[in-house]
Amino acid sequence: MVTATQTQPDQDQRDNILERLDHSIEQVVLQRQDPVSGLLPASTAHTVHGNYGDAWVRDCVYSVQCVWALALAHRRRRGSHDRRAWELEQRVIALMRGLLRAMLRQANKVERFKVSLDPLDALHAKYDSSSGDPVVADDAWGHLQLDATSLFLLQLAQLTRGGCTVIQSRDEVDFIQNLVYYVARAYRTPDYGIWERGDKGNNGKPERNSSSIGMAKAALEALEDLDLFGVHGDGSCQLLIPQGAVVRLRRALESLLPRESSSKEADSACLSVVGFPAWAIEDRDLVQRTLRRVRRELGGAYGYKRFLRDGHQTTVEDVNRLHYEPEELAQFEGIESEWPLFLAFELVTACCEERWQDARTWQNKLTALAVHRDGEALYPELYQVAADRVEAERSRPGSQPRQANSNLPLIWTQSLAWLGEMLLEGLITPEDLDPCERRNAQGLGTDAVLVAFAAETASVRQALIDAGLPLDRGDEITIQPSDALAAQWCCIGANARLGLSGKPLQRIETEDSARLYRQGEQTLAFTAAVLEDSISYLADDPLQLEDSVVDELHLLRRHWRGPGLPLLLIPINAESFQHHPEVFLQLGQTLLTGRIGEIPVQFDRLSQLARQARWVPLREGFADDDNNPSALERKRSDLLQEATDLRDLTAAEEQELDETDADVLRTRLWDTQSLHEQADVLDLLQRRFGASAIETSPQGRSVTIQQLLEEVYHRGLRCQDWSVVRRCAGAMGMVHPQLEDALTDLLVRQKQVVVGRNYSADARLSHPLDSSAIAERIARTSGVDGRERMLEQELLLALDGVARRDPGLLKGILTLQLSQLLLLLTSELAAEQQLSQDEAFEALCSSSPHRIRDRLRQLLSDVEHARAALQRGEQLHVTGRVQWRVPDPLDQPPSGGDWLQHRIRLGSLQKVPRDFYAGIWSLLQHCRGLVIGDKLE
């Protein structure tokens, strides 16, 4: 293998190359840098496509790369005190601080966007190059370009680790911390992306883009454990990097690639994610698959196309049109403009990965595309097919010569080309350019997970110890619920002078509670939020506990990064332990074996595990734990009659309640000892008057319907009456905080979700929403029975669990209709137990969450099993000329054993055979269309 050292010229030649590059960069780049703002224009052209004299955030960062590399080359050649090296470093700092100042003026946008994720609240992606002021109105352009903001953060990390300090005050540290929050949810935020257009048709609809998600992930990883004051820091200016966000970004990216987005099958922007500068993918096979797709589908003699059917700056483009309809994009097929820029990306990536022979090949291809002006080899923005050659190019792609457009040079391309040359000639090394070591994939995952129990009360702790399970008797480490950590984090980044509030209050992810924290003299541990009973009634299902623990262990084992081992701290709720001690004891005994669900674990006292865990500092906060509801003791004084009657109400009794006057309902509420009647009456009163309506007890005490619902809800939990629990949860408007995560996970797997009873635009969830918005959609499109709404929430969470642990079960399903699934589960239960549909629904509502998850998984598994069994049962196998034999039966016959039942399942699941869509596409090439149904309307 040829190395850079083997091909390096002697020192005199290298000095000559350095001087030549210094002169070129001075003339082409630095002469264009504004002396006041420090910003760089993207180019000098002013065309119908825009004023390239503006300072794009993305272009500025890429364009200054060559200046930084030149400073490194001078420093390496002449020492750290070289005058030219110092001057060049200051020019780099001037540009980065120019961008920082422009963004600081829009701190109010950052504050709003952290919560709203609204494109109109986004930071601007370009500014006036001389003043740093906005140049385009909020609603006049697609400013939400998360890759650009993330690239700025990534370059900030590289410069700081490389000894070039950009940040100069605590106010700026707080602002950068808020930029971290700004990009951290890129996994669920559709943006306009690197091409500033969103959907391929340029119709103004943003999409989730791999290039934005990957750049955000790289930025967060690069900033971790970095003091923004660089060599002048003492460790106190490190940033909070939410580990849960990094995991979600990784999962979203791995699910999207090798695609760029839902509308862009292949996109050259992905080169910046799988290689320089992000190197955001740990899976080398996925990197190679993405590269092969980009090179195969987009490569050409003059560079790479941006994406297929890209009409930008083709000679047949109508510059007066804002967007095209999808079918109109076909006119650009085969004549898309080709960009030398992407060859420069390939060049720099090959150099940094020390693939020197490949790098020479990419450099030769790139050099051939240069346009020589005034002694400089300059690279145009793109090459296009001349208008009189379009038809010939369409008939034989790649056969026609192309012409450079007027945007010469594109400084971004120019910078990366010089960067590659400096690397190839040995003037700088990959280590110089990438001190964050992005190019060297870090190890991902861990061999084992630490597990400890956290008992809520001393009596529970003693009972567990008496059963032979390891728990600390003292309080060597303070254990708190996860929302105490969330409250502490809300303070980080808050800055009144900039109008910034700090981190939005969000549920703590398991990856973040899997660390131990030091705060002053105190050592802190936090329980896993998803296992706490305050999150939802799902945590109160004892049979669900082991599944939930295994899910979190899988997550930690797969995605853990950095030193130490991850810790899962399992909270043991006193009330749950009182009613089902055997579940927790069995879990503890399983953990003692050192393995659960095929995952190696170390189960011990927390104090013993602390030596192997990862410790991180926690800034002093001003959260008041005394006002933290999760930290309060559970003291509930019952107001209603003791519920001694636990039987279900009959349909006639429910009908009678529906028709009862409100005053009579109030009387019955205070008199009844039926748990189900208490729940039904409160549900009816809530529907009529609202949850905040005041009721007066016979003792004269005022109380809201919401408070009474909570009382009955907890009674239902104590006796595991899931119908009552779901009815009260629905009436209270309970929202599971993981709905947002579940929907996002399914969307990145190219699934859509439909909620409610009718398939409508309002019911279709095709882009990420927060949990409250999802629950509101479910409530708006479902019936009045709150249990139905809660079951749909459970099904969404259960489908996400299936997608993560057994994605093959959802193969062939593009749209997941929750109401259809609920109806199918009800029908299957009715057939299984010989019940009416109403009776089956009541039985389903009374089933535990764990049982419903099992039924769903069994249903999805049984679809494929049933197909195989039914086909097998209809086959006759010939042996010899006259002997017949029936095939051996399957080991496990499917439930619902006929073709009608099988087709009902497939129809409800909307599951299609493999290659169905490809087959329809092929069929449409041979006919004018298809009519679905029995008549043409």
Foldseek 3Di string as FASTA:
>chain_A
DDFLVNVFDDPVVVVVVLVVLVVVCCVQWVVQQAPPLLAHFLFCDADLVHGSRWGFLQLRLLLLLLLLLSLLLCCVVPNPPDPSSVVSLVSNLSHLVSQLVLVLVLLVLLQVCLPVLDQLSDRARIAHRHRSHRDAHSPRFFRFALLSLLSSLLVLLLCLLLPRANDDDPLSLLSVLSSLSNLLQLLFRFGCYPVRQAALQSPNDGWSFLLNLLSSLLSLLSQAQDQNRRPPDDSPSRHDRALVSSLSSQLLNVLQPPAGGPRFRAFLSCLVRCFPPRVRHPDVVRSVVSVVCQCVPFNALQAGAGTALRPPPAPPDDSVDSGDDPVVSVLCGQFGWHALLSLLSQLLRCLLVRVLVSNVVSLVSSQVQFDDDPNDGKHAGTWGQDPVCSVVCVVPPRPDDTHGDPRIHSSSSVSSSSVSVCSSNVSDHSCSSGVSPSSDRADFFDQAAEEEEDEPDLVVVVVLVVLVAAADNDCLAAEDEQQVVLQLQQCRSDDVVSPHRGNPRAGRALLVLQAWEDEPPHIYHYAHNVCDCVQDVLNLPLVCNLVVVVVSRVSQRGGPDDAFHTYHYHYDYPLSCVQCVVSVSVVRVVVVVQDDPNHGYHYHYPVVRNVRGHYDYRYDGDDDLVPPVRNDDDDDDDQADAQPAADADDPVVLVVLLPDDLVVLLVCLRVDNHLNSVLSSLLNCCVVPNQQDWDAGPVGDIDGSLSSLVVSLVVCSSVLQQLSVQQSCLSNLPWRQCLQVLQSSQLSNQAWEAAADDDDPLRIHNGGDGRSSNLVSNCVRYDSRSSLSVQLSLVSVLVSVCCVPPVVLLPQFRYAYSVLLLQLQLVLQCVVVVHDSVVSNSVVSRDRSVVVSVSSVLLSVLLVVLVVQAVLQPDWDDDPDPDIDRDDHDPDHGPPRDVVSSVSSCVSRVGDDPCPVVVVVVVCVVDVDDDPDDDDD
